[in-house]
Amino acid sequence: MHTHKLRAASWLLASTAICSSPSWANTQHEAHVHGQVELNIAQDGNDLLLEITAPASDVLGFEHAPKTEAEQQALNTALQQLNQAASLFSLPAEARCSLQDNHVTHTLPSHSDDEHEDHDEHEHEHEHEHEHEDHHGHAEFSVQSVYRCEQIQQLGQLTLNWFSYFPATENIQVQAISDKGQTAATLKAAQPLFRF
């Protein structure tokens, strides 16, 4: 199945199931909480989609465009880590899963606060405050990994190594839908194992 069709079909199915769960309401009430990462899992036949959404503060320690060389290096390192799906997720070898696609995005602003300070603030100062707030909302990272598992029935669990790379994360809220049904769980550094 093509990746785009898998994503569309899986998320349509997953969103229907997840939105009906009581824990979804709590997650959506606090859509962006520092320390809390979301992992959505959707299985469609032998295809498995894993999508992580994390506050930039958990990944980088900041939510603005990099201002210093150290912040730029932190961003580069984080992107390298996020692009290595095999290091973030440990799938059982007996499921014979192979990575088909991995896509990382972020919503960090592409320019620094300093550029905003150069704006003419004499007129429409109040309007500029609103624009300024819009540009400095909460930034986040998203990782979408698509696997093809030859023995999907052997996929009984998944270990997240996320906490090793991004220790600012306090917990990961997992929502999953698979042939086995729908499941929700909260993972912590001391318990990074998710069972389907």
N, C-alpha and C. Protein backbone atom coordinates (compact mmCIF):
# COMPACT_ATOMS: atom_id res chain seq x y z
N MET A 1 0.85 -1.17 0.00
CA MET A 1 0.00 0.00 0.00
C MET A 1 0.90 1.23 0.00
N HIS A 2 0.55 2.24 -0.73
CA HIS A 2 1.33 3.46 -0.77
C HIS A 2 1.27 4.15 0.59
N THR A 3 2.36 4.80 0.95
CA THR A 3 2.47 5.46 2.24
C THR A 3 1.34 6.45 2.48
N HIS A 4 1.01 7.26 1.49
CA HIS A 4 -0.04 8.26 1.68
C HIS A 4 -1.40 7.61 1.92
N LYS A 5 -1.68 6.54 1.20
CA LYS A 5 -2.94 5.83 1.41
C LYS A 5 -2.97 5.20 2.79
N LEU A 6 -1.83 4.64 3.22
CA LEU A 6 -1.76 4.04 4.55
C LEU A 6 -2.03 5.10 5.61
N ARG A 7 -1.37 6.25 5.48
CA ARG A 7 -1.57 7.31 6.47
C ARG A 7 -3.02 7.77 6.50
N ALA A 8 -3.60 7.99 5.34
CA ALA A 8 -4.99 8.47 5.29
C ALA A 8 -5.94 7.43 5.87
N ALA A 9 -5.80 6.19 5.44
CA ALA A 9 -6.69 5.14 5.92
C ALA A 9 -6.50 4.88 7.40
N SER A 10 -5.25 4.81 7.83
CA SER A 10 -4.97 4.51 9.23
C SER A 10 -5.44 5.62 10.16
N TRP A 11 -5.18 6.87 9.77
CA TRP A 11 -5.57 7.96 10.66
C TRP A 11 -7.08 8.20 10.66
N LEU A 12 -7.73 7.91 9.57
CA LEU A 12 -9.18 7.99 9.58
C LEU A 12 -9.73 6.97 10.54
N LEU A 13 -9.22 5.77 10.46
CA LEU A 13 -9.64 4.70 11.34
C LEU A 13 -9.25 5.01 12.78
N ALA A 14 -8.02 5.43 12.98
CA ALA A 14 -7.53 5.72 14.33
C ALA A 14 -8.26 6.89 14.96
N SER A 15 -8.49 7.94 14.19
CA SER A 15 -9.15 9.11 14.77
C SER A 15 -10.57 8.80 15.20
N THR A 16 -11.25 7.95 14.47
CA THR A 16 -12.59 7.54 14.85
C THR A 16 -12.56 6.81 16.18
N ALA A 17 -11.63 5.88 16.31
CA ALA A 17 -11.53 5.09 17.54
C ALA A 17 -11.00 5.92 18.69
N ILE A 18 -9.97 6.69 18.45
CA ILE A 18 -9.33 7.45 19.50
C ILE A 18 -10.23 8.55 20.03
N CYS A 19 -10.92 9.25 19.14
CA CYS A 19 -11.79 10.35 19.56
C CYS A 19 -12.93 9.86 20.44
N SER A 20 -13.27 8.59 20.32
CA SER A 20 -14.35 8.06 21.13
C SER A 20 -13.87 7.60 22.50
N SER A 21 -12.56 7.58 22.73
CA SER A 21 -12.05 7.11 24.02
C SER A 21 -12.03 8.25 25.02
N PRO A 22 -12.31 7.95 26.30
CA PRO A 22 -12.31 8.99 27.33
C PRO A 22 -10.96 9.67 27.50
N SER A 23 -9.86 8.93 27.34
CA SER A 23 -8.54 9.53 27.55
C SER A 23 -8.22 10.56 26.48
N TRP A 24 -8.84 10.45 25.30
CA TRP A 24 -8.59 11.42 24.24
C TRP A 24 -9.04 12.80 24.67
N ALA A 25 -10.17 12.88 25.36
CA ALA A 25 -10.67 14.18 25.80
C ALA A 25 -9.67 14.86 26.72
N ASN A 26 -9.07 14.10 27.63
CA ASN A 26 -8.07 14.67 28.53
C ASN A 26 -6.85 15.13 27.78
N THR A 27 -6.39 14.35 26.81
CA THR A 27 -5.22 14.72 26.02
C THR A 27 -5.49 15.99 25.24
N GLN A 28 -6.66 16.10 24.64
CA GLN A 28 -6.97 17.27 23.83
C GLN A 28 -7.20 18.51 24.67
N HIS A 29 -7.65 18.32 25.92
CA HIS A 29 -7.85 19.46 26.80
C HIS A 29 -6.52 20.16 27.06
N GLU A 30 -5.45 19.39 27.15
CA GLU A 30 -4.12 19.93 27.36
C GLU A 30 -3.28 19.60 26.14
N ALA A 31 -3.59 20.23 25.01
CA ALA A 31 -3.00 19.87 23.73
C ALA A 31 -1.48 19.99 23.70
N HIS A 32 -0.92 20.98 24.36
CA HIS A 32 0.53 21.17 24.33
C HIS A 32 1.02 21.31 25.76
N VAL A 33 1.52 20.24 26.31
CA VAL A 33 2.00 20.24 27.68
C VAL A 33 3.47 19.85 27.67
N HIS A 34 4.30 20.71 28.22
CA HIS A 34 5.73 20.38 28.29
C HIS A 34 5.89 19.13 29.13
N GLY A 35 6.77 18.24 28.67
CA GLY A 35 7.00 16.98 29.37
C GLY A 35 6.11 15.86 28.89
N GLN A 36 5.10 16.18 28.09
CA GLN A 36 4.17 15.16 27.60
C GLN A 36 4.25 15.04 26.09
N VAL A 37 4.53 13.83 25.64
CA VAL A 37 4.67 13.51 24.22
C VAL A 37 3.51 12.60 23.84
N GLU A 38 3.07 12.68 22.60
CA GLU A 38 2.00 11.81 22.12
C GLU A 38 2.55 10.86 21.07
N LEU A 39 2.15 9.60 21.18
CA LEU A 39 2.50 8.59 20.18
C LEU A 39 1.21 7.96 19.68
N ASN A 40 0.96 8.08 18.40
CA ASN A 40 -0.18 7.43 17.76
C ASN A 40 0.35 6.27 16.94
N ILE A 41 -0.30 5.13 17.09
CA ILE A 41 0.10 3.92 16.38
C ILE A 41 -1.10 3.42 15.60
N ALA A 42 -0.90 3.14 14.32
CA ALA A 42 -1.97 2.59 13.49
C ALA A 42 -1.40 1.43 12.68
N GLN A 43 -2.08 0.30 12.76
CA GLN A 43 -1.67 -0.88 12.00
C GLN A 43 -2.74 -1.17 10.97
N ASP A 44 -2.32 -1.39 9.73
CA ASP A 44 -3.23 -1.71 8.63
C ASP A 44 -2.61 -2.87 7.86
N GLY A 45 -3.12 -4.07 8.09
CA GLY A 45 -2.52 -5.25 7.48
C GLY A 45 -1.11 -5.41 7.98
N ASN A 46 -0.15 -5.48 7.07
CA ASN A 46 1.26 -5.62 7.46
C ASN A 46 1.96 -4.28 7.61
N ASP A 47 1.24 -3.19 7.46
CA ASP A 47 1.81 -1.85 7.56
C ASP A 47 1.57 -1.27 8.95
N LEU A 48 2.59 -0.60 9.46
CA LEU A 48 2.53 -0.02 10.79
C LEU A 48 2.99 1.43 10.71
N LEU A 49 2.17 2.34 11.21
CA LEU A 49 2.51 3.76 11.25
C LEU A 49 2.70 4.18 12.70
N LEU A 50 3.83 4.79 12.99
CA LEU A 50 4.12 5.34 14.31
C LEU A 50 4.32 6.83 14.14
N GLU A 51 3.55 7.62 14.89
CA GLU A 51 3.69 9.07 14.79
C GLU A 51 3.84 9.66 16.18
N ILE A 52 4.96 10.33 16.38
CA ILE A 52 5.25 11.00 17.65
C ILE A 52 5.11 12.50 17.45
N THR A 53 4.43 13.15 18.39
CA THR A 53 4.35 14.60 18.42
C THR A 53 4.87 15.04 19.78
N ALA A 54 5.89 15.91 19.76
CA ALA A 54 6.55 16.31 21.01
C ALA A 54 6.77 17.81 21.04
N PRO A 55 6.57 18.42 22.21
CA PRO A 55 6.91 19.84 22.35
C PRO A 55 8.39 20.05 22.06
N ALA A 56 8.70 21.12 21.38
CA ALA A 56 10.11 21.42 21.07
C ALA A 56 10.93 21.58 22.34
N SER A 57 10.29 22.05 23.41
CA SER A 57 11.02 22.20 24.67
C SER A 57 11.51 20.86 25.20
N ASP A 58 10.77 19.78 24.95
CA ASP A 58 11.21 18.44 25.37
C ASP A 58 12.38 17.96 24.52
N VAL A 59 12.37 18.33 23.26
CA VAL A 59 13.39 17.86 22.33
C VAL A 59 14.65 18.73 22.41
N LEU A 60 14.47 20.05 22.50
CA LEU A 60 15.60 20.98 22.42
C LEU A 60 15.90 21.73 23.71
N GLY A 61 14.87 21.93 24.52
CA GLY A 61 15.02 22.79 25.68
C GLY A 61 14.58 24.21 25.40
N PHE A 62 14.12 24.48 24.18
CA PHE A 62 13.61 25.80 23.80
C PHE A 62 12.59 25.63 22.67
N GLU A 63 11.77 26.70 22.45
CA GLU A 63 10.73 26.64 21.43
C GLU A 63 10.80 27.82 20.46
N HIS A 64 11.96 28.33 20.23
CA HIS A 64 12.15 29.46 19.31
C HIS A 64 13.19 29.06 18.27
N ALA A 65 13.32 29.88 17.26
CA ALA A 65 14.36 29.64 16.26
C ALA A 65 15.72 29.70 16.96
N PRO A 66 16.65 28.83 16.58
CA PRO A 66 17.97 28.86 17.22
C PRO A 66 18.60 30.25 17.11
N LYS A 67 19.07 30.76 18.25
CA LYS A 67 19.68 32.09 18.29
C LYS A 67 21.19 32.03 18.42
N THR A 68 21.69 30.93 18.94
CA THR A 68 23.13 30.80 19.16
C THR A 68 23.65 29.58 18.41
N GLU A 69 24.95 29.50 18.34
CA GLU A 69 25.57 28.33 17.70
C GLU A 69 25.22 27.05 18.47
N ALA A 70 25.18 27.15 19.80
CA ALA A 70 24.84 25.98 20.62
C ALA A 70 23.40 25.53 20.36
N GLU A 71 22.48 26.48 20.23
CA GLU A 71 21.09 26.11 19.92
C GLU A 71 20.97 25.51 18.53
N GLN A 72 21.71 26.03 17.58
CA GLN A 72 21.69 25.46 16.22
C GLN A 72 22.23 24.03 16.25
N GLN A 73 23.28 23.81 17.02
CA GLN A 73 23.84 22.47 17.15
C GLN A 73 22.84 21.53 17.82
N ALA A 74 22.12 22.03 18.82
CA ALA A 74 21.09 21.21 19.49
C ALA A 74 20.01 20.81 18.49
N LEU A 75 19.60 21.73 17.63
CA LEU A 75 18.61 21.42 16.60
C LEU A 75 19.15 20.39 15.62
N ASN A 76 20.37 20.57 15.16
CA ASN A 76 20.96 19.61 14.21
C ASN A 76 21.05 18.22 14.82
N THR A 77 21.48 18.14 16.07
CA THR A 77 21.59 16.85 16.76
C THR A 77 20.22 16.20 16.91
N ALA A 78 19.23 16.99 17.32
CA ALA A 78 17.88 16.46 17.49
C ALA A 78 17.33 15.92 16.17
N LEU A 79 17.54 16.65 15.09
CA LEU A 79 17.05 16.19 13.78
C LEU A 79 17.74 14.89 13.37
N GLN A 80 19.03 14.77 13.65
CA GLN A 80 19.73 13.51 13.35
C GLN A 80 19.12 12.36 14.15
N GLN A 81 18.87 12.59 15.43
CA GLN A 81 18.30 11.54 16.28
C GLN A 81 16.89 11.17 15.82
N LEU A 82 16.08 12.17 15.51
CA LEU A 82 14.70 11.91 15.10
C LEU A 82 14.62 11.22 13.75
N ASN A 83 15.62 11.41 12.92
CA ASN A 83 15.64 10.75 11.61
C ASN A 83 16.13 9.31 11.68
N GLN A 84 16.51 8.85 12.84
CA GLN A 84 16.95 7.47 13.03
C GLN A 84 15.86 6.70 13.77
N ALA A 85 14.81 6.35 13.04
CA ALA A 85 13.66 5.68 13.65
C ALA A 85 14.06 4.40 14.37
N ALA A 86 15.02 3.68 13.83
CA ALA A 86 15.43 2.41 14.44
C ALA A 86 15.99 2.62 15.85
N SER A 87 16.53 3.81 16.12
CA SER A 87 17.04 4.06 17.47
C SER A 87 15.93 4.55 18.41
N LEU A 88 14.86 5.10 17.87
CA LEU A 88 13.74 5.57 18.70
C LEU A 88 12.78 4.45 19.09
N PHE A 89 12.55 3.52 18.17
CA PHE A 89 11.60 2.43 18.38
C PHE A 89 12.31 1.09 18.29
N SER A 90 12.06 0.22 19.24
CA SER A 90 12.57 -1.16 19.17
C SER A 90 11.38 -2.08 18.95
N LEU A 91 11.33 -2.69 17.77
CA LEU A 91 10.26 -3.62 17.42
C LEU A 91 10.80 -5.04 17.54
N PRO A 92 9.96 -6.01 17.92
CA PRO A 92 10.43 -7.39 18.04
C PRO A 92 10.98 -7.91 16.71
N ALA A 93 12.16 -8.53 16.77
CA ALA A 93 12.81 -9.06 15.56
C ALA A 93 11.92 -10.07 14.85
N GLU A 94 11.18 -10.86 15.62
CA GLU A 94 10.34 -11.90 15.01
C GLU A 94 9.19 -11.33 14.17
N ALA A 95 8.86 -10.05 14.34
CA ALA A 95 7.82 -9.42 13.51
C ALA A 95 8.37 -9.08 12.12
N ARG A 96 9.70 -9.08 11.99
CA ARG A 96 10.38 -8.82 10.71
C ARG A 96 9.89 -7.52 10.06
N CYS A 97 10.01 -6.44 10.82
CA CYS A 97 9.59 -5.12 10.34
C CYS A 97 10.76 -4.38 9.70
N SER A 98 10.49 -3.74 8.59
CA SER A 98 11.50 -2.92 7.93
C SER A 98 10.94 -1.52 7.71
N LEU A 99 11.77 -0.54 7.96
CA LEU A 99 11.37 0.86 7.81
C LEU A 99 11.18 1.18 6.33
N GLN A 100 10.01 1.69 5.99
CA GLN A 100 9.69 2.06 4.61
C GLN A 100 9.84 3.56 4.38
N ASP A 101 9.51 4.34 5.42
CA ASP A 101 9.53 5.80 5.28
C ASP A 101 9.67 6.41 6.67
N ASN A 102 10.41 7.49 6.76
CA ASN A 102 10.54 8.23 8.01
C ASN A 102 10.55 9.71 7.66
N HIS A 103 9.69 10.47 8.30
CA HIS A 103 9.55 11.88 7.97
C HIS A 103 9.52 12.70 9.26
N VAL A 104 10.39 13.70 9.35
CA VAL A 104 10.48 14.55 10.54
C VAL A 104 10.14 15.98 10.14
N THR A 105 9.27 16.61 10.92
CA THR A 105 8.94 18.02 10.70
C THR A 105 8.96 18.74 12.05
N HIS A 106 9.06 20.05 11.99
CA HIS A 106 8.96 20.86 13.21
C HIS A 106 8.30 22.18 12.87
N THR A 107 7.80 22.84 13.90
CA THR A 107 7.11 24.12 13.72
C THR A 107 7.89 25.27 14.35
N LEU A 108 9.19 25.11 14.49
CA LEU A 108 10.00 26.21 15.00
C LEU A 108 9.95 27.36 14.00
N PRO A 109 9.91 28.59 14.50
CA PRO A 109 9.94 29.73 13.57
C PRO A 109 11.24 29.70 12.77
N SER A 110 11.19 30.25 11.59
CA SER A 110 12.37 30.23 10.73
C SER A 110 13.24 31.47 10.90
N HIS A 111 12.84 32.35 11.80
CA HIS A 111 13.63 33.55 12.04
C HIS A 111 13.64 33.85 13.54
N SER A 112 14.56 34.69 13.96
CA SER A 112 14.74 34.95 15.39
C SER A 112 13.84 36.08 15.87
N ASP A 113 13.76 36.19 17.19
CA ASP A 113 12.99 37.28 17.80
C ASP A 113 13.54 38.63 17.39
N ASP A 114 14.83 38.71 17.14
CA ASP A 114 15.46 39.98 16.80
C ASP A 114 14.82 40.60 15.56
N GLU A 115 14.41 39.79 14.61
CA GLU A 115 13.79 40.33 13.41
C GLU A 115 12.47 41.01 13.74
N HIS A 116 11.76 40.49 14.77
CA HIS A 116 10.51 41.12 15.18
C HIS A 116 10.76 42.49 15.81
N GLU A 117 11.87 42.61 16.51
CA GLU A 117 12.17 43.86 17.18
C GLU A 117 12.46 44.97 16.18
N ASP A 118 12.80 44.63 14.96
CA ASP A 118 13.08 45.63 13.94
C ASP A 118 11.82 46.20 13.31
N HIS A 119 10.66 45.60 13.60
CA HIS A 119 9.41 46.10 13.03
C HIS A 119 9.10 47.50 13.56
N ASP A 120 8.41 48.29 12.77
CA ASP A 120 7.98 49.61 13.20
C ASP A 120 6.84 49.43 14.17
N GLU A 121 7.09 49.76 15.44
CA GLU A 121 6.08 49.54 16.47
C GLU A 121 5.33 50.83 16.82
N HIS A 122 5.57 51.91 16.12
CA HIS A 122 4.91 53.17 16.47
C HIS A 122 3.43 53.10 16.20
N GLU A 123 3.04 52.57 15.05
CA GLU A 123 1.62 52.44 14.73
C GLU A 123 1.20 51.01 14.95
N HIS A 124 -0.02 50.83 15.29
CA HIS A 124 -0.61 49.51 15.44
C HIS A 124 0.14 48.65 16.46
N GLU A 125 0.57 49.29 17.53
CA GLU A 125 1.35 48.55 18.53
C GLU A 125 0.55 47.38 19.08
N HIS A 126 -0.71 47.58 19.33
CA HIS A 126 -1.55 46.51 19.87
C HIS A 126 -1.65 45.35 18.88
N GLU A 127 -1.83 45.67 17.59
CA GLU A 127 -1.90 44.61 16.58
C GLU A 127 -0.59 43.84 16.50
N HIS A 128 0.52 44.55 16.64
CA HIS A 128 1.82 43.88 16.57
C HIS A 128 1.99 42.89 17.72
N GLU A 129 1.43 43.23 18.89
CA GLU A 129 1.52 42.30 20.02
C GLU A 129 0.86 40.98 19.66
N HIS A 130 -0.28 41.04 19.00
CA HIS A 130 -0.96 39.81 18.61
C HIS A 130 -0.15 39.04 17.58
N GLU A 131 0.43 39.77 16.61
CA GLU A 131 1.27 39.10 15.61
C GLU A 131 2.46 38.45 16.29
N HIS A 132 3.05 39.16 17.23
CA HIS A 132 4.22 38.66 17.94
C HIS A 132 3.87 37.37 18.68
N GLU A 133 2.71 37.36 19.33
CA GLU A 133 2.28 36.16 20.04
C GLU A 133 2.08 35.00 19.08
N ASP A 134 1.50 35.26 17.93
CA ASP A 134 1.26 34.19 16.96
C ASP A 134 2.57 33.56 16.51
N HIS A 135 3.61 34.38 16.35
CA HIS A 135 4.89 33.86 15.88
C HIS A 135 5.63 33.10 16.97
N HIS A 136 5.23 33.26 18.21
CA HIS A 136 5.96 32.64 19.31
C HIS A 136 5.08 31.70 20.09
N GLY A 137 4.22 30.98 19.42
CA GLY A 137 3.40 29.97 20.06
C GLY A 137 4.27 28.77 20.38
N HIS A 138 3.63 27.73 20.81
CA HIS A 138 4.34 26.51 21.16
C HIS A 138 4.79 25.79 19.90
N ALA A 139 6.05 25.49 19.83
CA ALA A 139 6.60 24.75 18.69
C ALA A 139 6.67 23.27 19.05
N GLU A 140 6.60 22.43 18.03
CA GLU A 140 6.66 21.00 18.28
C GLU A 140 7.34 20.27 17.13
N PHE A 141 7.72 19.05 17.41
CA PHE A 141 8.31 18.16 16.42
C PHE A 141 7.33 17.03 16.15
N SER A 142 7.34 16.54 14.92
CA SER A 142 6.53 15.39 14.55
C SER A 142 7.41 14.41 13.79
N VAL A 143 7.32 13.15 14.16
CA VAL A 143 8.05 12.08 13.49
C VAL A 143 7.04 11.05 13.03
N GLN A 144 7.02 10.77 11.74
CA GLN A 144 6.14 9.74 11.18
C GLN A 144 7.02 8.65 10.59
N SER A 145 6.88 7.45 11.14
CA SER A 145 7.67 6.30 10.67
C SER A 145 6.72 5.22 10.19
N VAL A 146 6.94 4.74 8.98
CA VAL A 146 6.11 3.69 8.40
C VAL A 146 6.96 2.43 8.25
N TYR A 147 6.46 1.34 8.81
CA TYR A 147 7.14 0.05 8.73
C TYR A 147 6.27 -0.93 7.96
N ARG A 148 6.92 -1.89 7.35
CA ARG A 148 6.26 -3.04 6.73
C ARG A 148 6.74 -4.25 7.52
N CYS A 149 5.80 -4.99 8.12
CA CYS A 149 6.14 -6.12 8.97
C CYS A 149 5.67 -7.41 8.31
N GLU A 150 6.62 -8.27 7.96
CA GLU A 150 6.28 -9.53 7.28
C GLU A 150 5.52 -10.48 8.19
N GLN A 151 5.77 -10.41 9.48
CA GLN A 151 5.09 -11.26 10.47
C GLN A 151 4.39 -10.37 11.50
N ILE A 152 3.46 -9.57 11.03
CA ILE A 152 2.81 -8.58 11.89
C ILE A 152 2.15 -9.21 13.11
N GLN A 153 1.71 -10.45 13.00
CA GLN A 153 1.07 -11.13 14.13
C GLN A 153 2.06 -11.32 15.29
N GLN A 154 3.35 -11.21 15.04
CA GLN A 154 4.37 -11.33 16.08
C GLN A 154 4.65 -9.99 16.77
N LEU A 155 3.96 -8.96 16.34
CA LEU A 155 4.17 -7.62 16.90
C LEU A 155 3.31 -7.48 18.15
N GLY A 156 3.81 -7.93 19.26
CA GLY A 156 3.06 -7.87 20.51
C GLY A 156 3.45 -6.70 21.39
N GLN A 157 4.58 -6.09 21.09
CA GLN A 157 5.05 -4.98 21.92
C GLN A 157 6.00 -4.08 21.13
N LEU A 158 6.28 -2.95 21.73
CA LEU A 158 7.16 -1.94 21.14
C LEU A 158 7.83 -1.22 22.30
N THR A 159 9.13 -1.05 22.21
CA THR A 159 9.86 -0.32 23.25
C THR A 159 10.28 1.03 22.70
N LEU A 160 9.99 2.07 23.46
CA LEU A 160 10.38 3.42 23.06
C LEU A 160 11.69 3.79 23.75
N ASN A 161 12.68 4.13 22.96
CA ASN A 161 13.96 4.57 23.48
C ASN A 161 14.01 6.10 23.57
N TRP A 162 12.88 6.73 23.36
CA TRP A 162 12.74 8.18 23.32
C TRP A 162 13.33 8.84 24.57
N PHE A 163 13.04 8.26 25.74
CA PHE A 163 13.46 8.87 27.00
C PHE A 163 14.99 8.96 27.10
N SER A 164 15.71 8.05 26.47
CA SER A 164 17.18 8.08 26.50
C SER A 164 17.72 9.28 25.74
N TYR A 165 17.04 9.66 24.67
CA TYR A 165 17.48 10.78 23.84
C TYR A 165 16.94 12.12 24.31
N PHE A 166 15.73 12.11 24.85
CA PHE A 166 15.05 13.35 25.23
C PHE A 166 14.54 13.24 26.67
N PRO A 167 15.45 13.34 27.65
CA PRO A 167 15.09 13.12 29.05
C PRO A 167 14.15 14.15 29.66
N ALA A 168 13.90 15.27 28.99
CA ALA A 168 12.93 16.24 29.51
C ALA A 168 11.50 15.71 29.41
N THR A 169 11.30 14.66 28.63
CA THR A 169 9.98 14.06 28.50
C THR A 169 9.63 13.31 29.78
N GLU A 170 8.48 13.64 30.34
CA GLU A 170 8.03 12.98 31.57
C GLU A 170 7.21 11.74 31.26
N ASN A 171 6.35 11.83 30.24
CA ASN A 171 5.55 10.67 29.86
C ASN A 171 5.16 10.75 28.40
N ILE A 172 4.78 9.60 27.88
CA ILE A 172 4.32 9.50 26.50
C ILE A 172 2.93 8.90 26.52
N GLN A 173 1.97 9.65 26.00
CA GLN A 173 0.59 9.18 25.90
C GLN A 173 0.46 8.41 24.59
N VAL A 174 0.13 7.13 24.68
CA VAL A 174 0.04 6.28 23.50
C VAL A 174 -1.42 5.99 23.19
N GLN A 175 -1.78 6.14 21.93
CA GLN A 175 -3.09 5.74 21.41
C GLN A 175 -2.79 4.81 20.24
N ALA A 176 -3.34 3.61 20.27
CA ALA A 176 -3.04 2.64 19.22
C ALA A 176 -4.31 1.97 18.73
N ILE A 177 -4.30 1.67 17.44
CA ILE A 177 -5.37 0.87 16.86
C ILE A 177 -4.70 -0.14 15.95
N SER A 178 -5.09 -1.40 16.14
CA SER A 178 -4.50 -2.48 15.37
C SER A 178 -5.55 -3.56 15.16
N ASP A 179 -5.14 -4.65 14.53
CA ASP A 179 -6.06 -5.77 14.35
C ASP A 179 -6.52 -6.33 15.69
N LYS A 180 -5.76 -6.08 16.74
CA LYS A 180 -6.09 -6.58 18.08
C LYS A 180 -7.06 -5.66 18.81
N GLY A 181 -7.35 -4.49 18.25
CA GLY A 181 -8.26 -3.53 18.88
C GLY A 181 -7.57 -2.21 19.14
N GLN A 182 -8.22 -1.39 19.96
CA GLN A 182 -7.64 -0.10 20.30
C GLN A 182 -7.13 -0.14 21.73
N THR A 183 -6.04 0.58 21.95
CA THR A 183 -5.37 0.56 23.24
C THR A 183 -4.85 1.96 23.55
N ALA A 184 -4.85 2.29 24.82
CA ALA A 184 -4.25 3.54 25.28
C ALA A 184 -3.36 3.21 26.47
N ALA A 185 -2.27 3.94 26.59
CA ALA A 185 -1.35 3.71 27.69
C ALA A 185 -0.52 4.96 27.93
N THR A 186 0.07 5.03 29.09
CA THR A 186 1.01 6.09 29.42
C THR A 186 2.36 5.44 29.71
N LEU A 187 3.38 5.85 28.97
CA LEU A 187 4.72 5.32 29.16
C LEU A 187 5.57 6.34 29.89
N LYS A 188 6.47 5.84 30.71
CA LYS A 188 7.42 6.68 31.45
C LYS A 188 8.81 6.12 31.24
N ALA A 189 9.82 6.88 31.63
CA ALA A 189 11.20 6.42 31.45
C ALA A 189 11.43 5.08 32.12
N ALA A 190 10.82 4.86 33.28
CA ALA A 190 10.98 3.59 33.99
C ALA A 190 10.18 2.47 33.35
N GLN A 191 9.20 2.80 32.50
CA GLN A 191 8.36 1.81 31.84
C GLN A 191 8.12 2.23 30.40
N PRO A 192 9.12 2.03 29.50
CA PRO A 192 9.00 2.46 28.11
C PRO A 192 8.42 1.41 27.16
N LEU A 193 7.86 0.33 27.72
CA LEU A 193 7.35 -0.77 26.90
C LEU A 193 5.85 -0.63 26.68
N PHE A 194 5.43 -0.69 25.42
CA PHE A 194 4.01 -0.66 25.07
C PHE A 194 3.62 -2.03 24.53
N ARG A 195 2.53 -2.58 25.07
CA ARG A 195 2.01 -3.87 24.61
C ARG A 195 0.72 -3.65 23.84
N PHE A 196 0.64 -4.29 22.68
CA PHE A 196 -0.56 -4.18 21.85
C PHE A 196 -1.67 -5.03 22.43
